[in-house]
Amino acid sequence: MKLLRTIRLDASDTFVFEKAAAPGEWAVSGAFAFWSADPTKLEGKVRSAFRGGFLGVNSLGWSTLVQIVEANEADRESVVSMLAQRLIESFGAPEPATARAAAAEEVAFAQSLCDQPQDTLVAVHRACENGSIRESFRTLRPRDRSQPLRAFTFLDVEGEEPHQALDDVDLAALAGKESR
């Protein structure tokens, strides 16, 4: 089986998000973190997390990218248990059985995103459309699988068309806009 782990290719998550996930954390989509919010009114770093963050299960921090990794049943069980505990502690789940069912559903959704080869990176784009949260996912894989994985070698993009050309992204400018 495969699951998602956070990955940090540079330091941008530490200034784009209010709280960045640690590299290597198990991750889920995390859209549920915004269910009680009005996405059209989010600003700053919270808006950045809404628009493009995966939720690290351990820290409840955000990561721009996750990596598809091999996992076993014990790993999956650990993620479900940890997320269920976080749902009770931080999101007000009414009781353990409800939290566990919700966590299992979140982890199953994360697993459904892992239909690509191991080490594929996944990015999310979230938007509010007609009162609903819509998520789209893109995968990034190295062109040459014989080379070690390095930042800036991930060039093949699959999924929906990017909302902005990758060459036009200025992280420093984004950080300045989002932190205001």
N, C-alpha and C. Protein backbone atom coordinates (compact mmCIF):
# COMPACT_ATOMS: atom_id res chain seq x y z
N MET A 1 0.84 -1.17 0.00
CA MET A 1 0.00 0.00 0.00
C MET A 1 0.89 1.24 0.00
N LYS A 2 0.31 2.35 -0.37
CA LYS A 2 1.04 3.62 -0.40
C LYS A 2 0.25 4.67 0.38
N LEU A 3 1.00 5.56 0.99
CA LEU A 3 0.43 6.70 1.72
C LEU A 3 1.20 7.95 1.34
N LEU A 4 0.79 9.08 1.89
CA LEU A 4 1.42 10.37 1.61
C LEU A 4 2.27 10.82 2.80
N ARG A 5 3.44 11.34 2.48
CA ARG A 5 4.31 11.96 3.49
C ARG A 5 4.66 13.36 3.01
N THR A 6 4.77 14.28 3.97
CA THR A 6 5.16 15.64 3.61
C THR A 6 6.61 15.64 3.15
N ILE A 7 6.92 16.58 2.30
CA ILE A 7 8.29 16.75 1.82
C ILE A 7 8.54 18.25 1.70
N ARG A 8 9.75 18.65 1.99
CA ARG A 8 10.12 20.06 1.90
C ARG A 8 11.34 20.18 1.00
N LEU A 9 11.15 20.76 -0.18
CA LEU A 9 12.24 20.92 -1.13
C LEU A 9 13.02 22.20 -0.89
N ASP A 10 12.39 23.15 -0.21
CA ASP A 10 13.05 24.41 0.16
C ASP A 10 12.35 24.95 1.40
N ALA A 11 12.70 26.12 1.83
CA ALA A 11 12.16 26.68 3.07
C ALA A 11 10.83 27.41 2.89
N SER A 12 10.27 27.44 1.70
CA SER A 12 9.10 28.27 1.44
C SER A 12 7.90 27.95 2.34
N ASP A 13 7.68 26.69 2.68
CA ASP A 13 6.53 26.37 3.55
C ASP A 13 6.62 27.07 4.90
N THR A 14 7.82 27.33 5.37
CA THR A 14 7.99 27.95 6.69
C THR A 14 7.56 29.42 6.70
N PHE A 15 7.49 30.05 5.53
CA PHE A 15 7.00 31.43 5.53
C PHE A 15 5.69 31.59 4.78
N VAL A 16 5.25 30.59 4.04
CA VAL A 16 3.97 30.66 3.34
C VAL A 16 2.82 30.28 4.27
N PHE A 17 3.06 29.32 5.16
CA PHE A 17 2.02 28.83 6.07
C PHE A 17 2.27 29.31 7.49
N GLU A 18 1.21 29.50 8.24
CA GLU A 18 1.34 29.88 9.64
C GLU A 18 2.14 28.83 10.41
N LYS A 19 1.85 27.57 10.13
CA LYS A 19 2.59 26.47 10.73
C LYS A 19 2.91 25.47 9.63
N ALA A 20 4.20 25.24 9.41
CA ALA A 20 4.63 24.30 8.37
C ALA A 20 4.75 22.90 8.98
N ALA A 21 4.35 21.91 8.21
CA ALA A 21 4.53 20.52 8.64
C ALA A 21 6.01 20.19 8.58
N ALA A 22 6.44 19.31 9.46
CA ALA A 22 7.82 18.83 9.41
C ALA A 22 7.98 17.89 8.22
N PRO A 23 9.13 17.89 7.58
CA PRO A 23 9.34 16.94 6.49
C PRO A 23 9.21 15.51 6.99
N GLY A 24 8.55 14.66 6.21
CA GLY A 24 8.42 13.25 6.55
C GLY A 24 7.22 12.88 7.38
N GLU A 25 6.33 13.82 7.68
CA GLU A 25 5.11 13.50 8.43
C GLU A 25 4.12 12.79 7.51
N TRP A 26 3.33 11.89 8.07
CA TRP A 26 2.21 11.35 7.32
C TRP A 26 1.27 12.51 7.04
N ALA A 27 0.60 12.48 5.89
CA ALA A 27 -0.23 13.60 5.49
C ALA A 27 -1.57 13.15 4.92
N VAL A 28 -2.54 14.03 5.05
CA VAL A 28 -3.85 13.89 4.42
C VAL A 28 -4.17 15.20 3.72
N SER A 29 -5.20 15.19 2.91
CA SER A 29 -5.59 16.39 2.19
C SER A 29 -5.80 17.56 3.16
N GLY A 30 -6.61 17.35 4.18
CA GLY A 30 -6.81 18.39 5.19
C GLY A 30 -7.90 19.38 4.89
N ALA A 31 -8.67 19.18 3.84
CA ALA A 31 -9.75 20.12 3.52
C ALA A 31 -10.74 20.25 4.68
N PHE A 32 -10.88 19.20 5.47
CA PHE A 32 -11.82 19.24 6.61
C PHE A 32 -11.46 20.36 7.60
N ALA A 33 -10.22 20.80 7.62
CA ALA A 33 -9.81 21.86 8.54
C ALA A 33 -10.52 23.18 8.24
N PHE A 34 -11.13 23.28 7.06
CA PHE A 34 -11.76 24.53 6.63
C PHE A 34 -13.29 24.43 6.58
N TRP A 35 -13.87 23.33 7.06
CA TRP A 35 -15.31 23.15 6.97
C TRP A 35 -16.09 24.21 7.72
N SER A 36 -15.59 24.70 8.82
CA SER A 36 -16.34 25.70 9.58
C SER A 36 -15.99 27.12 9.18
N ALA A 37 -15.09 27.28 8.23
CA ALA A 37 -14.67 28.61 7.78
C ALA A 37 -15.39 28.98 6.48
N ASP A 38 -15.46 30.26 6.23
CA ASP A 38 -15.94 30.74 4.94
C ASP A 38 -14.71 30.95 4.07
N PRO A 39 -14.43 30.03 3.14
CA PRO A 39 -13.20 30.12 2.34
C PRO A 39 -13.05 31.43 1.58
N THR A 40 -14.16 32.08 1.25
CA THR A 40 -14.07 33.34 0.51
C THR A 40 -13.55 34.48 1.37
N LYS A 41 -13.54 34.28 2.70
CA LYS A 41 -13.09 35.34 3.61
C LYS A 41 -11.72 35.06 4.24
N LEU A 42 -11.10 33.96 3.83
CA LEU A 42 -9.78 33.64 4.38
C LEU A 42 -8.74 34.59 3.83
N GLU A 43 -7.77 34.93 4.67
CA GLU A 43 -6.71 35.85 4.26
C GLU A 43 -5.36 35.34 4.72
N GLY A 44 -4.32 35.88 4.13
CA GLY A 44 -2.96 35.64 4.57
C GLY A 44 -2.55 34.19 4.51
N LYS A 45 -1.87 33.77 5.56
CA LYS A 45 -1.29 32.42 5.59
C LYS A 45 -2.35 31.34 5.70
N VAL A 46 -3.48 31.65 6.32
CA VAL A 46 -4.58 30.68 6.39
C VAL A 46 -5.13 30.45 4.98
N ARG A 47 -5.22 31.51 4.22
CA ARG A 47 -5.68 31.40 2.82
C ARG A 47 -4.70 30.56 2.01
N SER A 48 -3.41 30.72 2.26
CA SER A 48 -2.40 29.91 1.57
C SER A 48 -2.57 28.43 1.89
N ALA A 49 -2.84 28.12 3.15
CA ALA A 49 -3.07 26.72 3.55
C ALA A 49 -4.32 26.18 2.86
N PHE A 50 -5.36 26.99 2.81
CA PHE A 50 -6.58 26.55 2.13
C PHE A 50 -6.30 26.28 0.66
N ARG A 51 -5.64 27.18 0.00
CA ARG A 51 -5.44 27.08 -1.44
C ARG A 51 -4.49 25.97 -1.86
N GLY A 52 -3.47 25.67 -1.04
CA GLY A 52 -2.47 24.73 -1.55
C GLY A 52 -1.73 23.94 -0.50
N GLY A 53 -2.38 23.55 0.58
CA GLY A 53 -1.67 22.82 1.62
C GLY A 53 -2.22 21.44 1.91
N PHE A 54 -1.32 20.50 2.15
CA PHE A 54 -1.65 19.19 2.70
C PHE A 54 -1.40 19.27 4.20
N LEU A 55 -2.21 18.58 4.98
CA LEU A 55 -2.11 18.64 6.42
C LEU A 55 -1.22 17.53 6.95
N GLY A 56 -0.17 17.91 7.68
CA GLY A 56 0.68 16.94 8.37
C GLY A 56 -0.07 16.44 9.59
N VAL A 57 -0.23 15.12 9.71
CA VAL A 57 -1.07 14.55 10.76
C VAL A 57 -0.48 14.77 12.15
N ASN A 58 0.81 14.67 12.30
CA ASN A 58 1.42 14.81 13.62
C ASN A 58 1.36 16.25 14.13
N SER A 59 1.80 17.19 13.33
CA SER A 59 1.91 18.59 13.77
C SER A 59 0.69 19.45 13.49
N LEU A 60 -0.18 18.99 12.61
CA LEU A 60 -1.27 19.80 12.07
C LEU A 60 -0.71 21.04 11.37
N GLY A 61 0.49 20.90 10.83
CA GLY A 61 1.10 21.93 10.01
C GLY A 61 0.82 21.62 8.54
N TRP A 62 1.20 22.54 7.67
CA TRP A 62 0.87 22.44 6.25
C TRP A 62 2.11 22.23 5.40
N SER A 63 1.93 21.53 4.30
CA SER A 63 3.00 21.26 3.35
C SER A 63 2.49 21.47 1.94
N THR A 64 3.26 22.16 1.12
CA THR A 64 2.87 22.40 -0.26
C THR A 64 2.87 21.11 -1.07
N LEU A 65 3.82 20.25 -0.79
CA LEU A 65 3.95 19.00 -1.53
C LEU A 65 3.95 17.80 -0.60
N VAL A 66 3.46 16.69 -1.12
CA VAL A 66 3.58 15.42 -0.43
C VAL A 66 4.19 14.43 -1.41
N GLN A 67 4.76 13.38 -0.85
CA GLN A 67 5.42 12.36 -1.65
C GLN A 67 4.70 11.04 -1.43
N ILE A 68 4.48 10.30 -2.49
CA ILE A 68 3.88 8.98 -2.39
C ILE A 68 4.96 8.01 -1.94
N VAL A 69 4.69 7.31 -0.83
CA VAL A 69 5.67 6.38 -0.26
C VAL A 69 5.01 5.04 0.04
N GLU A 70 5.84 4.01 0.06
CA GLU A 70 5.36 2.68 0.45
C GLU A 70 5.05 2.69 1.94
N ALA A 71 4.01 1.98 2.31
CA ALA A 71 3.59 1.89 3.72
C ALA A 71 3.04 0.48 3.94
N ASN A 72 2.85 0.16 5.20
CA ASN A 72 2.25 -1.13 5.53
C ASN A 72 1.00 -0.89 6.37
N GLU A 73 0.32 -1.96 6.73
CA GLU A 73 -0.92 -1.83 7.48
C GLU A 73 -0.69 -1.17 8.84
N ALA A 74 0.45 -1.46 9.48
CA ALA A 74 0.75 -0.83 10.77
C ALA A 74 0.90 0.69 10.61
N ASP A 75 1.52 1.13 9.50
CA ASP A 75 1.64 2.57 9.23
C ASP A 75 0.26 3.19 9.06
N ARG A 76 -0.58 2.53 8.26
CA ARG A 76 -1.93 3.06 8.03
C ARG A 76 -2.71 3.14 9.34
N GLU A 77 -2.62 2.12 10.15
CA GLU A 77 -3.31 2.11 11.43
C GLU A 77 -2.81 3.24 12.34
N SER A 78 -1.51 3.47 12.31
CA SER A 78 -0.92 4.54 13.11
C SER A 78 -1.44 5.91 12.66
N VAL A 79 -1.52 6.11 11.34
CA VAL A 79 -2.02 7.39 10.81
C VAL A 79 -3.48 7.59 11.22
N VAL A 80 -4.30 6.55 11.07
CA VAL A 80 -5.71 6.65 11.44
C VAL A 80 -5.84 6.99 12.92
N SER A 81 -5.10 6.29 13.77
CA SER A 81 -5.19 6.54 15.22
C SER A 81 -4.74 7.95 15.58
N MET A 82 -3.63 8.37 15.00
CA MET A 82 -3.11 9.71 15.30
C MET A 82 -4.08 10.78 14.82
N LEU A 83 -4.62 10.61 13.61
CA LEU A 83 -5.55 11.60 13.09
C LEU A 83 -6.84 11.62 13.92
N ALA A 84 -7.32 10.47 14.33
CA ALA A 84 -8.51 10.43 15.18
C ALA A 84 -8.28 11.22 16.46
N GLN A 85 -7.11 11.05 17.06
CA GLN A 85 -6.78 11.80 18.28
C GLN A 85 -6.75 13.30 18.00
N ARG A 86 -6.18 13.71 16.86
CA ARG A 86 -6.12 15.13 16.50
C ARG A 86 -7.53 15.69 16.27
N LEU A 87 -8.41 14.86 15.68
CA LEU A 87 -9.78 15.31 15.44
C LEU A 87 -10.51 15.58 16.75
N ILE A 88 -10.22 14.79 17.76
CA ILE A 88 -10.83 15.02 19.08
C ILE A 88 -10.21 16.25 19.74
N GLU A 89 -8.88 16.33 19.77
CA GLU A 89 -8.17 17.40 20.47
C GLU A 89 -8.35 18.77 19.82
N SER A 90 -8.29 18.81 18.49
CA SER A 90 -8.21 20.10 17.81
C SER A 90 -9.42 20.48 16.96
N PHE A 91 -10.27 19.50 16.65
CA PHE A 91 -11.39 19.81 15.76
C PHE A 91 -12.75 19.51 16.38
N GLY A 92 -12.77 19.12 17.65
CA GLY A 92 -14.03 18.96 18.36
C GLY A 92 -14.85 17.72 18.00
N ALA A 93 -14.19 16.66 17.55
CA ALA A 93 -14.95 15.43 17.29
C ALA A 93 -15.64 15.00 18.58
N PRO A 94 -16.90 14.59 18.50
CA PRO A 94 -17.69 14.34 19.71
C PRO A 94 -17.27 13.12 20.53
N GLU A 95 -16.74 12.10 19.88
CA GLU A 95 -16.34 10.91 20.64
C GLU A 95 -15.39 10.08 19.78
N PRO A 96 -14.65 9.16 20.39
CA PRO A 96 -13.61 8.42 19.67
C PRO A 96 -14.09 7.63 18.46
N ALA A 97 -15.24 7.00 18.53
CA ALA A 97 -15.71 6.20 17.39
C ALA A 97 -15.97 7.08 16.16
N THR A 98 -16.58 8.23 16.39
CA THR A 98 -16.84 9.16 15.29
C THR A 98 -15.54 9.69 14.72
N ALA A 99 -14.60 10.05 15.60
CA ALA A 99 -13.30 10.55 15.16
C ALA A 99 -12.56 9.49 14.36
N ARG A 100 -12.59 8.26 14.81
CA ARG A 100 -11.90 7.17 14.13
C ARG A 100 -12.50 6.93 12.74
N ALA A 101 -13.81 6.95 12.64
CA ALA A 101 -14.46 6.76 11.34
C ALA A 101 -14.08 7.88 10.37
N ALA A 102 -14.08 9.12 10.86
CA ALA A 102 -13.70 10.26 10.01
C ALA A 102 -12.23 10.16 9.61
N ALA A 103 -11.37 9.78 10.54
CA ALA A 103 -9.94 9.64 10.25
C ALA A 103 -9.72 8.54 9.22
N ALA A 104 -10.40 7.42 9.36
CA ALA A 104 -10.26 6.32 8.41
C ALA A 104 -10.68 6.77 7.01
N GLU A 105 -11.74 7.57 6.94
CA GLU A 105 -12.20 8.09 5.65
C GLU A 105 -11.16 9.03 5.04
N GLU A 106 -10.58 9.91 5.84
CA GLU A 106 -9.54 10.83 5.36
C GLU A 106 -8.32 10.06 4.84
N VAL A 107 -7.90 9.05 5.58
CA VAL A 107 -6.73 8.27 5.18
C VAL A 107 -7.04 7.48 3.91
N ALA A 108 -8.25 6.96 3.79
CA ALA A 108 -8.64 6.25 2.57
C ALA A 108 -8.60 7.19 1.36
N PHE A 109 -9.04 8.44 1.57
CA PHE A 109 -8.97 9.41 0.48
C PHE A 109 -7.51 9.68 0.10
N ALA A 110 -6.65 9.85 1.11
CA ALA A 110 -5.22 10.06 0.83
C ALA A 110 -4.66 8.87 0.05
N GLN A 111 -5.04 7.66 0.44
CA GLN A 111 -4.58 6.47 -0.29
C GLN A 111 -5.04 6.50 -1.74
N SER A 112 -6.23 7.01 -1.99
CA SER A 112 -6.74 7.06 -3.36
C SER A 112 -5.92 7.98 -4.25
N LEU A 113 -5.15 8.88 -3.64
CA LEU A 113 -4.29 9.78 -4.41
C LEU A 113 -2.95 9.13 -4.77
N CYS A 114 -2.73 7.93 -4.26
CA CYS A 114 -1.43 7.26 -4.40
C CYS A 114 -1.41 6.24 -5.51
N ASP A 115 -2.09 6.52 -6.62
CA ASP A 115 -2.12 5.57 -7.73
C ASP A 115 -0.98 5.79 -8.72
N GLN A 116 -0.02 6.58 -8.33
CA GLN A 116 1.17 6.84 -9.15
C GLN A 116 2.35 6.09 -8.55
N PRO A 117 3.48 6.03 -9.24
CA PRO A 117 4.66 5.34 -8.69
C PRO A 117 5.17 5.98 -7.40
N GLN A 118 5.84 5.17 -6.60
CA GLN A 118 6.48 5.67 -5.38
C GLN A 118 7.39 6.84 -5.73
N ASP A 119 7.51 7.79 -4.83
CA ASP A 119 8.33 9.00 -4.95
C ASP A 119 7.72 10.07 -5.83
N THR A 120 6.55 9.82 -6.41
CA THR A 120 5.86 10.88 -7.14
C THR A 120 5.44 11.95 -6.14
N LEU A 121 5.57 13.20 -6.52
CA LEU A 121 5.12 14.31 -5.68
C LEU A 121 3.72 14.70 -6.10
N VAL A 122 2.94 15.15 -5.12
CA VAL A 122 1.56 15.55 -5.37
C VAL A 122 1.35 16.96 -4.81
N ALA A 123 0.70 17.80 -5.59
CA ALA A 123 0.34 19.16 -5.16
C ALA A 123 -1.18 19.27 -5.22
N VAL A 124 -1.73 20.12 -4.38
CA VAL A 124 -3.18 20.33 -4.34
C VAL A 124 -3.49 21.79 -4.64
N HIS A 125 -4.63 21.99 -5.28
CA HIS A 125 -5.18 23.34 -5.43
C HIS A 125 -6.63 23.27 -4.97
N ARG A 126 -6.98 24.11 -4.00
CA ARG A 126 -8.33 24.14 -3.45
C ARG A 126 -8.98 25.47 -3.81
N ALA A 127 -10.27 25.39 -4.09
CA ALA A 127 -11.04 26.60 -4.37
C ALA A 127 -12.45 26.39 -3.83
N CYS A 128 -13.13 27.49 -3.64
CA CYS A 128 -14.53 27.45 -3.22
C CYS A 128 -15.36 27.73 -4.47
N GLU A 129 -16.20 26.78 -4.84
CA GLU A 129 -17.05 26.94 -6.02
C GLU A 129 -18.48 26.60 -5.64
N ASN A 130 -19.37 27.54 -5.83
CA ASN A 130 -20.79 27.35 -5.52
C ASN A 130 -21.00 26.87 -4.09
N GLY A 131 -20.24 27.42 -3.16
CA GLY A 131 -20.39 27.08 -1.77
C GLY A 131 -19.74 25.78 -1.34
N SER A 132 -19.05 25.10 -2.23
CA SER A 132 -18.39 23.84 -1.92
C SER A 132 -16.89 23.97 -2.13
N ILE A 133 -16.14 23.21 -1.35
CA ILE A 133 -14.69 23.18 -1.54
C ILE A 133 -14.38 22.17 -2.63
N ARG A 134 -13.63 22.62 -3.62
CA ARG A 134 -13.22 21.75 -4.74
C ARG A 134 -11.71 21.61 -4.69
N GLU A 135 -11.25 20.37 -4.75
CA GLU A 135 -9.82 20.09 -4.75
C GLU A 135 -9.42 19.51 -6.10
N SER A 136 -8.28 19.96 -6.60
CA SER A 136 -7.69 19.32 -7.78
C SER A 136 -6.24 19.01 -7.42
N PHE A 137 -5.73 17.92 -7.97
CA PHE A 137 -4.40 17.44 -7.62
C PHE A 137 -3.56 17.30 -8.88
N ARG A 138 -2.28 17.64 -8.74
CA ARG A 138 -1.31 17.48 -9.82
C ARG A 138 -0.19 16.59 -9.33
N THR A 139 0.34 15.80 -10.20
CA THR A 139 1.49 14.97 -9.85
C THR A 139 2.71 15.48 -10.58
N LEU A 140 3.84 15.37 -9.92
CA LEU A 140 5.11 15.77 -10.50
C LEU A 140 6.07 14.60 -10.35
N ARG A 141 6.66 14.20 -11.46
CA ARG A 141 7.59 13.07 -11.45
C ARG A 141 8.87 13.49 -12.15
N PRO A 142 9.97 12.91 -11.73
CA PRO A 142 11.23 13.22 -12.42
C PRO A 142 11.19 12.65 -13.83
N ARG A 143 11.77 13.39 -14.76
CA ARG A 143 11.83 12.90 -16.14
C ARG A 143 12.72 11.68 -16.26
N ASP A 144 13.84 11.72 -15.57
CA ASP A 144 14.81 10.63 -15.65
C ASP A 144 14.79 9.88 -14.34
N ARG A 145 14.16 8.73 -14.29
CA ARG A 145 14.01 7.96 -13.04
C ARG A 145 15.34 7.39 -12.55
N SER A 146 16.39 7.41 -13.38
CA SER A 146 17.67 6.85 -12.94
C SER A 146 18.46 7.82 -12.07
N GLN A 147 18.08 9.09 -12.08
CA GLN A 147 18.78 10.10 -11.29
C GLN A 147 18.12 10.23 -9.92
N PRO A 148 18.89 10.61 -8.89
CA PRO A 148 18.28 10.83 -7.57
C PRO A 148 17.28 11.98 -7.64
N LEU A 149 16.29 11.95 -6.73
CA LEU A 149 15.30 13.01 -6.70
C LEU A 149 15.90 14.28 -6.14
N ARG A 150 15.76 15.37 -6.87
CA ARG A 150 16.29 16.66 -6.43
C ARG A 150 15.26 17.74 -6.74
N ALA A 151 15.32 18.79 -5.98
CA ALA A 151 14.45 19.94 -6.26
C ALA A 151 14.74 20.45 -7.66
N PHE A 152 13.72 20.93 -8.32
CA PHE A 152 13.81 21.55 -9.63
C PHE A 152 14.09 20.57 -10.76
N THR A 153 14.01 19.26 -10.50
CA THR A 153 14.09 18.30 -11.59
C THR A 153 12.71 17.73 -11.88
N PHE A 154 11.69 18.14 -11.12
CA PHE A 154 10.35 17.63 -11.30
C PHE A 154 9.65 18.49 -12.34
N LEU A 155 9.61 17.98 -13.56
CA LEU A 155 9.12 18.79 -14.65
C LEU A 155 7.87 18.25 -15.31
N ASP A 156 7.64 16.96 -15.24
CA ASP A 156 6.46 16.38 -15.87
C ASP A 156 5.27 16.56 -14.94
N VAL A 157 4.26 17.29 -15.39
CA VAL A 157 3.08 17.57 -14.59
C VAL A 157 1.90 16.84 -15.20
N GLU A 158 1.15 16.12 -14.36
CA GLU A 158 -0.07 15.46 -14.81
C GLU A 158 -1.21 15.94 -13.96
N GLY A 159 -2.38 15.99 -14.54
CA GLY A 159 -3.57 16.43 -13.81
C GLY A 159 -4.17 17.61 -14.52
N GLU A 160 -4.92 18.38 -13.78
CA GLU A 160 -5.56 19.54 -14.38
C GLU A 160 -4.53 20.57 -14.78
N GLU A 161 -4.92 21.42 -15.71
CA GLU A 161 -4.02 22.48 -16.14
C GLU A 161 -3.69 23.37 -14.96
N PRO A 162 -2.41 23.73 -14.79
CA PRO A 162 -2.07 24.63 -13.69
C PRO A 162 -2.81 25.95 -13.85
N HIS A 163 -3.14 26.56 -12.73
CA HIS A 163 -3.87 27.83 -12.75
C HIS A 163 -2.95 28.99 -13.09
N GLN A 164 -1.66 28.77 -13.00
CA GLN A 164 -0.68 29.80 -13.33
C GLN A 164 0.54 29.06 -13.86
N ALA A 165 1.14 29.61 -14.89
CA ALA A 165 2.33 28.97 -15.43
C ALA A 165 3.39 28.83 -14.35
N LEU A 166 4.05 27.67 -14.30
CA LEU A 166 5.04 27.44 -13.25
C LEU A 166 6.18 28.45 -13.32
N ASP A 167 6.50 28.93 -14.51
CA ASP A 167 7.58 29.90 -14.65
C ASP A 167 7.22 31.26 -14.06
N ASP A 168 5.93 31.51 -13.84
CA ASP A 168 5.48 32.81 -13.37
C ASP A 168 5.36 32.89 -11.85
N VAL A 169 5.63 31.81 -11.14
CA VAL A 169 5.46 31.81 -9.68
C VAL A 169 6.66 32.47 -9.02
N ASP A 170 6.41 33.49 -8.22
CA ASP A 170 7.44 34.19 -7.47
C ASP A 170 7.14 33.99 -5.99
N LEU A 171 7.80 33.00 -5.36
CA LEU A 171 7.51 32.66 -3.97
C LEU A 171 7.77 33.82 -3.03
N ALA A 172 8.80 34.60 -3.27
CA ALA A 172 9.10 35.72 -2.39
C ALA A 172 7.96 36.74 -2.43
N ALA A 173 7.44 37.00 -3.62
CA ALA A 173 6.32 37.95 -3.74
C ALA A 173 5.08 37.37 -3.08
N LEU A 174 4.83 36.07 -3.28
CA LEU A 174 3.70 35.43 -2.63
C LEU A 174 3.78 35.53 -1.13
N ALA A 175 4.95 35.29 -0.59
CA ALA A 175 5.13 35.34 0.87
C ALA A 175 4.82 36.73 1.38
N GLY A 176 5.24 37.75 0.65
CA GLY A 176 4.97 39.12 1.05
C GLY A 176 3.49 39.43 1.03
N LYS A 177 2.77 38.96 0.01
CA LYS A 177 1.32 39.20 -0.10
C LYS A 177 0.56 38.44 0.96
N GLU A 178 0.94 37.18 1.18
CA GLU A 178 0.18 36.32 2.09
C GLU A 178 0.39 36.69 3.56
N SER A 179 1.51 37.30 3.89
CA SER A 179 1.77 37.59 5.30
C SER A 179 1.16 38.91 5.75
N ARG A 180 0.59 39.64 4.85
CA ARG A 180 -0.04 40.92 5.21
C ARG A 180 -1.42 40.73 5.73
